[in-house]
């Protein structure tokens, strides 16, 4: 009986810590849809950017995503809350 109680307590503890970690990640990477971001970066579906306009837009998007990542890494190292928003998440999904 004691052994079963010990296993149940261990299982409950593991579930608790996994839940806490999951909640932390949900806050760090909030759910986002990229439809608006893609439209803003690549142009509306009926007139997508091409050539140098597309290249320029993608480079700007990449620059903003890297800046967001760098800022959040610095905040994380300082023990402050971070949030990886739409810019980086959508850029990574696009790539």
PDB file of N, CA and C in Angstrom:
ATOM      1  N   UNK A   1       0.805  -1.196   0.000  1.00  0.00           N
ATOM      2  CA  UNK A   1       0.000   0.000   0.000  1.00  0.00           C
ATOM      3  C   UNK A   1       0.852   1.266   0.000  1.00  0.00           C
ATOM      4  N   UNK A   2       1.894   1.247   0.796  1.00  0.00           N
ATOM      5  CA  UNK A   2       2.779   2.409   0.882  1.00  0.00           C
ATOM      6  C   UNK A   2       3.436   2.650  -0.477  1.00  0.00           C
ATOM      7  N   UNK A   3       3.810   1.568  -1.123  1.00  0.00           N
ATOM      8  CA  UNK A   3       4.454   1.676  -2.434  1.00  0.00           C
ATOM      9  C   UNK A   3       3.519   2.332  -3.451  1.00  0.00           C
ATOM     10  N   UNK A   4       2.257   1.944  -3.460  1.00  0.00           N
ATOM     11  CA  UNK A   4       1.276   2.537  -4.386  1.00  0.00           C
ATOM     12  C   UNK A   4       1.070   4.013  -4.064  1.00  0.00           C
ATOM     13  N   UNK A   5       1.008   4.335  -2.786  1.00  0.00           N
ATOM     14  CA  UNK A   5       0.887   5.738  -2.379  1.00  0.00           C
ATOM     15  C   UNK A   5       2.086   6.554  -2.843  1.00  0.00           C
ATOM     16  N   UNK A   6       3.270   5.958  -2.722  1.00  0.00           N
ATOM     17  CA  UNK A   6       4.492   6.630  -3.181  1.00  0.00           C
ATOM     18  C   UNK A   6       4.452   6.862  -4.695  1.00  0.00           C
ATOM     19  N   UNK A   7       4.016   5.881  -5.448  1.00  0.00           N
ATOM     20  CA  UNK A   7       3.914   6.021  -6.907  1.00  0.00           C
ATOM     21  C   UNK A   7       2.888   7.090  -7.292  1.00  0.00           C
ATOM     22  N   UNK A   8       1.755   7.105  -6.603  1.00  0.00           N
ATOM     23  CA  UNK A   8       0.738   8.124  -6.888  1.00  0.00           C
ATOM     24  C   UNK A   8       1.239   9.528  -6.567  1.00  0.00           C
ATOM     25  N   UNK A   9       1.947   9.656  -5.461  1.00  0.00           N
ATOM     26  CA  UNK A   9       2.502  10.969  -5.096  1.00  0.00           C
ATOM     27  C   UNK A   9       3.536  11.410  -6.132  1.00  0.00           C
ATOM     28  N   UNK A  10       4.374  10.490  -6.569  1.00  0.00           N
ATOM     29  CA  UNK A  10       5.381  10.824  -7.593  1.00  0.00           C
ATOM     30  C   UNK A  10       4.733  11.207  -8.904  1.00  0.00           C
ATOM     31  N   UNK A  11       3.702  10.487  -9.283  1.00  0.00           N
ATOM     32  CA  UNK A  11       2.990  10.782 -10.518  1.00  0.00           C
ATOM     33  C   UNK A  11       2.328  12.162 -10.445  1.00  0.00           C
ATOM     34  N   UNK A  12       1.689  12.447  -9.311  1.00  0.00           N
ATOM     35  CA  UNK A  12       1.054  13.761  -9.133  1.00  0.00           C
ATOM     36  C   UNK A  12       2.062  14.885  -9.192  1.00  0.00           C
ATOM     37  N   UNK A  13       3.227  14.680  -8.591  1.00  0.00           N
ATOM     38  CA  UNK A  13       4.283  15.693  -8.613  1.00  0.00           C
ATOM     39  C   UNK A  13       4.776  15.927 -10.039  1.00  0.00           C
ATOM     40  N   UNK A  14       4.989  14.858 -10.786  1.00  0.00           N
ATOM     41  CA  UNK A  14       5.447  14.984 -12.173  1.00  0.00           C
ATOM     42  C   UNK A  14       4.421  15.735 -13.015  1.00  0.00           C
ATOM     43  N   UNK A  15       3.158  15.397 -12.860  1.00  0.00           N
ATOM     44  CA  UNK A  15       2.101  16.081 -13.615  1.00  0.00           C
ATOM     45  C   UNK A  15       2.068  17.562 -13.255  1.00  0.00           C
ATOM     46  N   UNK A  16       2.194  17.872 -11.981  1.00  0.00           N
ATOM     47  CA  UNK A  16       2.185  19.275 -11.547  1.00  0.00           C
ATOM     48  C   UNK A  16       3.311  20.066 -12.222  1.00  0.00           C
ATOM     49  N   UNK A  17       4.535  19.547 -12.182  1.00  0.00           N
ATOM     50  CA  UNK A  17       5.657  20.277 -12.754  1.00  0.00           C
ATOM     51  C   UNK A  17       5.571  20.387 -14.275  1.00  0.00           C
ATOM     52  N   UNK A  18       5.027  19.371 -14.927  1.00  0.00           N
ATOM     53  CA  UNK A  18       4.836  19.461 -16.380  1.00  0.00           C
ATOM     54  C   UNK A  18       3.783  20.514 -16.713  1.00  0.00           C
ATOM     55  N   UNK A  19       2.755  20.617 -15.894  1.00  0.00           N
ATOM     56  CA  UNK A  19       1.702  21.616 -16.100  1.00  0.00           C
ATOM     57  C   UNK A  19       2.255  23.033 -15.929  1.00  0.00           C
ATOM     58  N   UNK A  20       3.081  23.219 -14.911  1.00  0.00           N
ATOM     59  CA  UNK A  20       3.696  24.533 -14.681  1.00  0.00           C
ATOM     60  C   UNK A  20       4.559  24.916 -15.874  1.00  0.00           C
ATOM     61  N   UNK A  21       5.356  23.997 -16.364  1.00  0.00           N
ATOM     62  CA  UNK A  21       6.227  24.272 -17.521  1.00  0.00           C
ATOM     63  C   UNK A  21       5.394  24.573 -18.765  1.00  0.00           C
ATOM     64  N   UNK A  22       4.333  23.828 -18.964  1.00  0.00           N
ATOM     65  CA  UNK A  22       3.452  24.056 -20.105  1.00  0.00           C
ATOM     66  C   UNK A  22       2.841  25.455 -20.054  1.00  0.00           C
ATOM     67  N   UNK A  23       2.399  25.872 -18.882  1.00  0.00           N
ATOM     68  CA  UNK A  23       1.828  27.211 -18.730  1.00  0.00           C
ATOM     69  C   UNK A  23       2.869  28.299 -18.993  1.00  0.00           C
ATOM     70  N   UNK A  24       4.105  28.058 -18.570  1.00  0.00           N
ATOM     71  CA  UNK A  24       5.185  29.019 -18.835  1.00  0.00           C
ATOM     72  C   UNK A  24       5.402  29.176 -20.341  1.00  0.00           C
ATOM     73  N   UNK A  25       5.413  28.067 -21.062  1.00  0.00           N
ATOM     74  CA  UNK A  25       5.638  28.122 -22.511  1.00  0.00           C
ATOM     75  C   UNK A  25       4.468  28.779 -23.239  1.00  0.00           C
ATOM     76  N   UNK A  26       3.238  28.566 -22.747  1.00  0.00           N
ATOM     77  CA  UNK A  26       2.086  29.227 -23.354  1.00  0.00           C
ATOM     78  C   UNK A  26       2.202  30.732 -23.224  1.00  0.00           C
ATOM     79  N   UNK A  27       2.740  31.213 -22.097  1.00  0.00           N
ATOM     80  CA  UNK A  27       2.937  32.639 -21.908  1.00  0.00           C
ATOM     81  C   UNK A  27       4.074  33.177 -22.755  1.00  0.00           C
ATOM     82  N   UNK A  28       5.090  32.364 -22.947  1.00  0.00           N
ATOM     83  CA  UNK A  28       6.258  32.796 -23.728  1.00  0.00           C
ATOM     84  C   UNK A  28       5.960  32.811 -25.220  1.00  0.00           C
ATOM     85  N   UNK A  29       5.219  31.817 -25.688  1.00  0.00           N
ATOM     86  CA  UNK A  29       4.858  31.712 -27.097  1.00  0.00           C
ATOM     87  C   UNK A  29       3.335  31.735 -27.217  1.00  0.00           C
ATOM     88  N   UNK A  30       2.728  32.919 -27.140  1.00  0.00           N
ATOM     89  CA  UNK A  30       1.264  32.979 -27.180  1.00  0.00           C
ATOM     90  C   UNK A  30       0.725  32.504 -28.537  1.00  0.00           C
ATOM     91  N   UNK A  31      -0.481  31.935 -28.547  1.00  0.00           N
ATOM     92  CA  UNK A  31      -1.065  31.502 -29.816  1.00  0.00           C
ATOM     93  C   UNK A  31      -1.236  32.690 -30.759  1.00  0.00           C
ATOM     94  N   UNK A  32      -0.947  32.470 -32.005  1.00  0.00           N
ATOM     95  CA  UNK A  32      -1.074  33.548 -32.981  1.00  0.00           C
ATOM     96  C   UNK A  32      -1.469  32.969 -34.336  1.00  0.00           C
ATOM     97  N   UNK A  33      -2.179  33.759 -35.106  1.00  0.00           N
ATOM     98  CA  UNK A  33      -2.445  33.386 -36.487  1.00  0.00           C
ATOM     99  C   UNK A  33      -1.566  34.276 -37.352  1.00  0.00           C
ATOM    100  N   UNK A  34      -1.038  33.745 -38.387  1.00  0.00           N
ATOM    101  CA  UNK A  34      -0.086  34.485 -39.200  1.00  0.00           C
ATOM    102  C   UNK A  34      -0.714  35.091 -40.457  1.00  0.00           C
ATOM    103  N   UNK A  35      -1.995  34.902 -40.653  1.00  0.00           N
ATOM    104  CA  UNK A  35      -2.639  35.383 -41.872  1.00  0.00           C
ATOM    105  C   UNK A  35      -2.414  36.883 -42.074  1.00  0.00           C
ATOM    106  N   UNK A  36      -2.648  37.684 -41.030  1.00  0.00           N
ATOM    107  CA  UNK A  36      -2.467  39.131 -41.137  1.00  0.00           C
ATOM    108  C   UNK A  36      -1.003  39.481 -41.331  1.00  0.00           C
ATOM    109  N   UNK A  37      -0.134  38.804 -40.601  1.00  0.00           N
ATOM    110  CA  UNK A  37       1.294  39.072 -40.716  1.00  0.00           C
ATOM    111  C   UNK A  37       1.794  38.754 -42.120  1.00  0.00           C
ATOM    112  N   UNK A  38       1.361  37.626 -42.683  1.00  0.00           N
ATOM    113  CA  UNK A  38       1.766  37.276 -44.040  1.00  0.00           C
ATOM    114  C   UNK A  38       1.263  38.326 -45.030  1.00  0.00           C
ATOM    115  N   UNK A  39       0.042  38.748 -44.858  1.00  0.00           N
ATOM    116  CA  UNK A  39      -0.534  39.744 -45.758  1.00  0.00           C
ATOM    117  C   UNK A  39       0.249  41.054 -45.676  1.00  0.00           C
ATOM    118  N   UNK A  40       0.619  41.461 -44.457  1.00  0.00           N
ATOM    119  CA  UNK A  40       1.381  42.699 -44.276  1.00  0.00           C
ATOM    120  C   UNK A  40       2.780  42.600 -44.879  1.00  0.00           C
ATOM    121  N   UNK A  41       3.382  41.439 -44.758  1.00  0.00           N
ATOM    122  CA  UNK A  41       4.768  41.267 -45.225  1.00  0.00           C
ATOM    123  C   UNK A  41       4.860  40.933 -46.708  1.00  0.00           C
ATOM    124  N   UNK A  42       3.965  40.097 -47.181  1.00  0.00           N
ATOM    125  CA  UNK A  42       4.066  39.590 -48.547  1.00  0.00           C
ATOM    126  C   UNK A  42       3.105  40.258 -49.516  1.00  0.00           C
ATOM    127  N   UNK A  43       2.166  41.007 -48.987  1.00  0.00           N
ATOM    128  CA  UNK A  43       1.152  41.647 -49.819  1.00  0.00           C
ATOM    129  C   UNK A  43      -0.138  40.854 -49.764  1.00  0.00           C
ATOM    130  N   UNK A  44      -1.248  41.486 -50.105  1.00  0.00           N
ATOM    131  CA  UNK A  44      -2.527  40.773 -50.103  1.00  0.00           C
ATOM    132  C   UNK A  44      -2.512  39.619 -51.104  1.00  0.00           C
ATOM    133  N   UNK A  45      -3.358  38.646 -50.854  1.00  0.00           N
ATOM    134  CA  UNK A  45      -3.370  37.425 -51.669  1.00  0.00           C
ATOM    135  C   UNK A  45      -3.554  37.703 -53.159  1.00  0.00           C
ATOM    136  N   UNK A  46      -4.279  38.757 -53.497  1.00  0.00           N
ATOM    137  CA  UNK A  46      -4.530  39.026 -54.918  1.00  0.00           C
ATOM    138  C   UNK A  46      -3.409  39.817 -55.591  1.00  0.00           C
ATOM    139  N   UNK A  47      -2.443  40.336 -54.824  1.00  0.00           N
ATOM    140  CA  UNK A  47      -1.322  41.070 -55.433  1.00  0.00           C
ATOM    141  C   UNK A  47      -0.063  40.901 -54.593  1.00  0.00           C
ATOM    142  N   UNK A  48       0.474  39.683 -54.587  1.00  0.00           N
ATOM    143  CA  UNK A  48       1.669  39.384 -53.803  1.00  0.00           C
ATOM    144  C   UNK A  48       2.869  40.174 -54.323  1.00  0.00           C
ATOM    145  N   UNK A  49       3.744  40.564 -53.394  1.00  0.00           N
ATOM    146  CA  UNK A  49       4.965  41.265 -53.775  1.00  0.00           C
ATOM    147  C   UNK A  49       5.879  40.318 -54.540  1.00  0.00           C
ATOM    148  N   UNK A  50       6.664  40.881 -55.430  1.00  0.00           N
ATOM    149  CA  UNK A  50       7.628  40.095 -56.196  1.00  0.00           C
ATOM    150  C   UNK A  50       8.930  40.863 -56.294  1.00  0.00           C
ATOM    151  N   UNK A  51       9.966  40.206 -56.754  1.00  0.00           N
ATOM    152  CA  UNK A  51      11.241  40.847 -57.038  1.00  0.00           C
ATOM    153  C   UNK A  51      11.848  41.569 -55.850  1.00  0.00           C
ATOM    154  N   UNK A  52      12.357  42.776 -56.098  1.00  0.00           N
ATOM    155  CA  UNK A  52      13.069  43.522 -55.064  1.00  0.00           C
ATOM    156  C   UNK A  52      12.150  43.944 -53.919  1.00  0.00           C
ATOM    157  N   UNK A  53      10.870  44.183 -54.194  1.00  0.00           N
ATOM    158  CA  UNK A  53       9.930  44.541 -53.125  1.00  0.00           C
ATOM    159  C   UNK A  53       9.768  43.377 -52.152  1.00  0.00           C
ATOM    160  N   UNK A  54       9.683  42.154 -52.690  1.00  0.00           N
ATOM    161  CA  UNK A  54       9.565  40.971 -51.838  1.00  0.00           C
ATOM    162  C   UNK A  54      10.852  40.756 -51.055  1.00  0.00           C
ATOM    163  N   UNK A  55      11.985  40.862 -51.715  1.00  0.00           N
ATOM    164  CA  UNK A  55      13.280  40.679 -51.055  1.00  0.00           C
ATOM    165  C   UNK A  55      13.456  41.673 -49.920  1.00  0.00           C
ATOM    166  N   UNK A  56      13.138  42.928 -50.182  1.00  0.00           N
ATOM    167  CA  UNK A  56      13.259  43.971 -49.165  1.00  0.00           C
ATOM    168  C   UNK A  56      12.334  43.694 -47.979  1.00  0.00           C
ATOM    169  N   UNK A  57      11.114  43.297 -48.252  1.00  0.00           N
ATOM    170  CA  UNK A  57      10.152  43.009 -47.198  1.00  0.00           C
ATOM    171  C   UNK A  57      10.606  41.817 -46.344  1.00  0.00           C
ATOM    172  N   UNK A  58      11.132  40.773 -46.991  1.00  0.00           N
ATOM    173  CA  UNK A  58      11.600  39.604 -46.253  1.00  0.00           C
ATOM    174  C   UNK A  58      12.821  39.926 -45.399  1.00  0.00           C
ATOM    175  N   UNK A  59      13.731  40.737 -45.929  1.00  0.00           N
ATOM    176  CA  UNK A  59      14.913  41.133 -45.150  1.00  0.00           C
ATOM    177  C   UNK A  59      14.501  41.963 -43.939  1.00  0.00           C
ATOM    178  N   UNK A  60      13.550  42.872 -44.116  1.00  0.00           N
ATOM    179  CA  UNK A  60      13.054  43.686 -43.016  1.00  0.00           C
ATOM    180  C   UNK A  60      12.385  42.800 -41.965  1.00  0.00           C
ATOM    181  N   UNK A  61      11.576  41.850 -42.413  1.00  0.00           N
ATOM    182  CA  UNK A  61      10.895  40.918 -41.508  1.00  0.00           C
ATOM    183  C   UNK A  61      11.919  40.093 -40.722  1.00  0.00           C
ATOM    184  N   UNK A  62      12.933  39.597 -41.428  1.00  0.00           N
ATOM    185  CA  UNK A  62      13.979  38.817 -40.770  1.00  0.00           C
ATOM    186  C   UNK A  62      14.694  39.662 -39.712  1.00  0.00           C
ATOM    187  N   UNK A  63      15.011  40.899 -40.060  1.00  0.00           N
ATOM    188  CA  UNK A  63      15.691  41.807 -39.135  1.00  0.00           C
ATOM    189  C   UNK A  63      14.840  42.025 -37.880  1.00  0.00           C
ATOM    190  N   UNK A  64      13.551  42.247 -38.060  1.00  0.00           N
ATOM    191  CA  UNK A  64      12.663  42.461 -36.918  1.00  0.00           C
ATOM    192  C   UNK A  64      12.541  41.202 -36.066  1.00  0.00           C
ATOM    193  N   UNK A  65      12.495  40.041 -36.703  1.00  0.00           N
ATOM    194  CA  UNK A  65      12.401  38.776 -35.962  1.00  0.00           C
ATOM    195  C   UNK A  65      13.671  38.534 -35.146  1.00  0.00           C
ATOM    196  N   UNK A  66      14.831  38.805 -35.724  1.00  0.00           N
ATOM    197  CA  UNK A  66      16.099  38.638 -35.006  1.00  0.00           C
ATOM    198  C   UNK A  66      16.176  39.617 -33.838  1.00  0.00           C
ATOM    199  N   UNK A  67      15.732  40.845 -34.052  1.00  0.00           N
ATOM    200  CA  UNK A  67      15.719  41.827 -32.965  1.00  0.00           C
ATOM    201  C   UNK A  67      14.808  41.377 -31.827  1.00  0.00           C
ATOM    202  N   UNK A  68      13.629  40.846 -32.172  1.00  0.00           N
ATOM    203  CA  UNK A  68      12.703  40.353 -31.151  1.00  0.00           C
ATOM    204  C   UNK A  68      13.331  39.210 -30.370  1.00  0.00           C
ATOM    205  N   UNK A  69      13.991  38.307 -31.084  1.00  0.00           N
ATOM    206  CA  UNK A  69      14.652  37.179 -30.427  1.00  0.00           C
ATOM    207  C   UNK A  69      15.760  37.666 -29.496  1.00  0.00           C
ATOM    208  N   UNK A  70      16.594  38.570 -29.978  1.00  0.00           N
ATOM    209  CA  UNK A  70      17.711  39.082 -29.174  1.00  0.00           C
ATOM    210  C   UNK A  70      17.214  39.793 -27.917  1.00  0.00           C
ATOM    211  N   UNK A  71      16.194  40.618 -28.081  1.00  0.00           N
ATOM    212  CA  UNK A  71      15.625  41.333 -26.946  1.00  0.00           C
ATOM    213  C   UNK A  71      15.091  40.350 -25.905  1.00  0.00           C
ATOM    214  N   UNK A  72      14.354  39.336 -26.360  1.00  0.00           N
ATOM    215  CA  UNK A  72      13.800  38.354 -25.432  1.00  0.00           C
ATOM    216  C   UNK A  72      14.882  37.515 -24.770  1.00  0.00           C
ATOM    217  N   UNK A  73      15.961  37.211 -25.473  1.00  0.00           N
ATOM    218  CA  UNK A  73      17.065  36.476 -24.856  1.00  0.00           C
ATOM    219  C   UNK A  73      17.700  37.312 -23.743  1.00  0.00           C
ATOM    220  N   UNK A  74      17.902  38.609 -23.996  1.00  0.00           N
ATOM    221  CA  UNK A  74      18.463  39.499 -22.976  1.00  0.00           C
ATOM    222  C   UNK A  74      17.536  39.605 -21.767  1.00  0.00           C
ATOM    223  N   UNK A  75      16.228  39.720 -22.027  1.00  0.00           N
ATOM    224  CA  UNK A  75      15.261  39.782 -20.930  1.00  0.00           C
ATOM    225  C   UNK A  75      15.271  38.488 -20.123  1.00  0.00           C
ATOM    226  N   UNK A  76      15.340  37.359 -20.812  1.00  0.00           N
ATOM    227  CA  UNK A  76      15.378  36.071 -20.137  1.00  0.00           C
ATOM    228  C   UNK A  76      16.603  35.923 -19.254  1.00  0.00           C
ATOM    229  N   UNK A  77      17.759  36.370 -19.740  1.00  0.00           N
ATOM    230  CA  UNK A  77      18.989  36.288 -18.952  1.00  0.00           C
ATOM    231  C   UNK A  77      18.912  37.179 -17.719  1.00  0.00           C
ATOM    232  N   UNK A  78      18.170  38.294 -17.834  1.00  0.00           N
ATOM    233  CA  UNK A  78      18.007  39.218 -16.709  1.00  0.00           C
ATOM    234  C   UNK A  78      16.902  38.755 -15.757  1.00  0.00           C
ATOM    235  N   UNK A  79      16.273  37.624 -16.060  1.00  0.00           N
ATOM    236  CA  UNK A  79      15.227  37.099 -15.200  1.00  0.00           C
ATOM    237  C   UNK A  79      13.887  37.797 -15.350  1.00  0.00           C
ATOM    238  N   UNK A  80      13.722  38.517 -16.465  1.00  0.00           N
ATOM    239  CA  UNK A  80      12.473  39.233 -16.708  1.00  0.00           C
ATOM    240  C   UNK A  80      11.581  38.414 -17.642  1.00  0.00           C
ATOM    241  N   UNK A  81      10.267  38.659 -17.613  1.00  0.00           N
ATOM    242  CA  UNK A  81       9.372  37.894 -18.491  1.00  0.00           C
ATOM    243  C   UNK A  81       9.609  38.195 -19.967  1.00  0.00           C
ATOM    244  N   UNK A  82       9.437  37.185 -20.780  1.00  0.00           N
ATOM    245  CA  UNK A  82       9.620  37.328 -22.229  1.00  0.00           C
ATOM    246  C   UNK A  82       8.344  36.928 -22.949  1.00  0.00           C
ATOM    247  N   UNK A  83       8.217  37.392 -24.183  1.00  0.00           N
ATOM    248  CA  UNK A  83       7.097  36.985 -25.025  1.00  0.00           C
ATOM    249  C   UNK A  83       7.528  37.056 -26.476  1.00  0.00           C
ATOM    250  N   UNK A  84       7.537  35.923 -27.121  1.00  0.00           N
ATOM    251  CA  UNK A  84       7.869  35.864 -28.533  1.00  0.00           C
ATOM    252  C   UNK A  84       6.575  36.022 -29.311  1.00  0.00           C
ATOM    253  N   UNK A  85       6.382  37.190 -29.872  1.00  0.00           N
ATOM    254  CA  UNK A  85       5.112  37.535 -30.503  1.00  0.00           C
ATOM    255  C   UNK A  85       5.000  37.090 -31.943  1.00  0.00           C
ATOM    256  N   UNK A  86       4.108  37.722 -32.622  1.00  0.00           N
ATOM    257  CA  UNK A  86       3.751  37.365 -33.988  1.00  0.00           C
ATOM    258  C   UNK A  86       4.927  37.483 -34.949  1.00  0.00           C
ATOM    259  N   UNK A  87       5.752  38.523 -34.796  1.00  0.00           N
ATOM    260  CA  UNK A  87       6.839  38.749 -35.755  1.00  0.00           C
ATOM    261  C   UNK A  87       7.743  37.537 -35.877  1.00  0.00           C
ATOM    262  N   UNK A  88       8.288  37.068 -34.773  1.00  0.00           N
ATOM    263  CA  UNK A  88       9.219  35.956 -34.833  1.00  0.00           C
ATOM    264  C   UNK A  88       8.515  34.640 -35.134  1.00  0.00           C
ATOM    265  N   UNK A  89       7.388  34.381 -34.489  1.00  0.00           N
ATOM    266  CA  UNK A  89       6.697  33.106 -34.715  1.00  0.00           C
ATOM    267  C   UNK A  89       6.310  32.943 -36.189  1.00  0.00           C
ATOM    268  N   UNK A  90       5.751  33.990 -36.769  1.00  0.00           N
ATOM    269  CA  UNK A  90       5.298  33.892 -38.165  1.00  0.00           C
ATOM    270  C   UNK A  90       6.475  33.825 -39.129  1.00  0.00           C
ATOM    271  N   UNK A  91       7.549  34.549 -38.825  1.00  0.00           N
ATOM    272  CA  UNK A  91       8.735  34.480 -39.681  1.00  0.00           C
ATOM    273  C   UNK A  91       9.288  33.057 -39.676  1.00  0.00           C
ATOM    274  N   UNK A  92       9.372  32.454 -38.472  1.00  0.00           N
ATOM    275  CA  UNK A  92       9.885  31.085 -38.384  1.00  0.00           C
ATOM    276  C   UNK A  92       8.982  30.097 -39.107  1.00  0.00           C
ATOM    277  N   UNK A  93       7.659  30.279 -38.998  1.00  0.00           N
ATOM    278  CA  UNK A  93       6.727  29.392 -39.709  1.00  0.00           C
ATOM    279  C   UNK A  93       6.878  29.568 -41.219  1.00  0.00           C
ATOM    280  N   UNK A  94       7.075  30.803 -41.664  1.00  0.00           N
ATOM    281  CA  UNK A  94       7.204  31.074 -43.099  1.00  0.00           C
ATOM    282  C   UNK A  94       8.459  30.417 -43.647  1.00  0.00           C
ATOM    283  N   UNK A  95       9.529  30.444 -42.879  1.00  0.00           N
ATOM    284  CA  UNK A  95      10.782  29.871 -43.330  1.00  0.00           C
ATOM    285  C   UNK A  95      10.682  28.373 -43.393  1.00  0.00           C
TER     286      UNK A  95
END
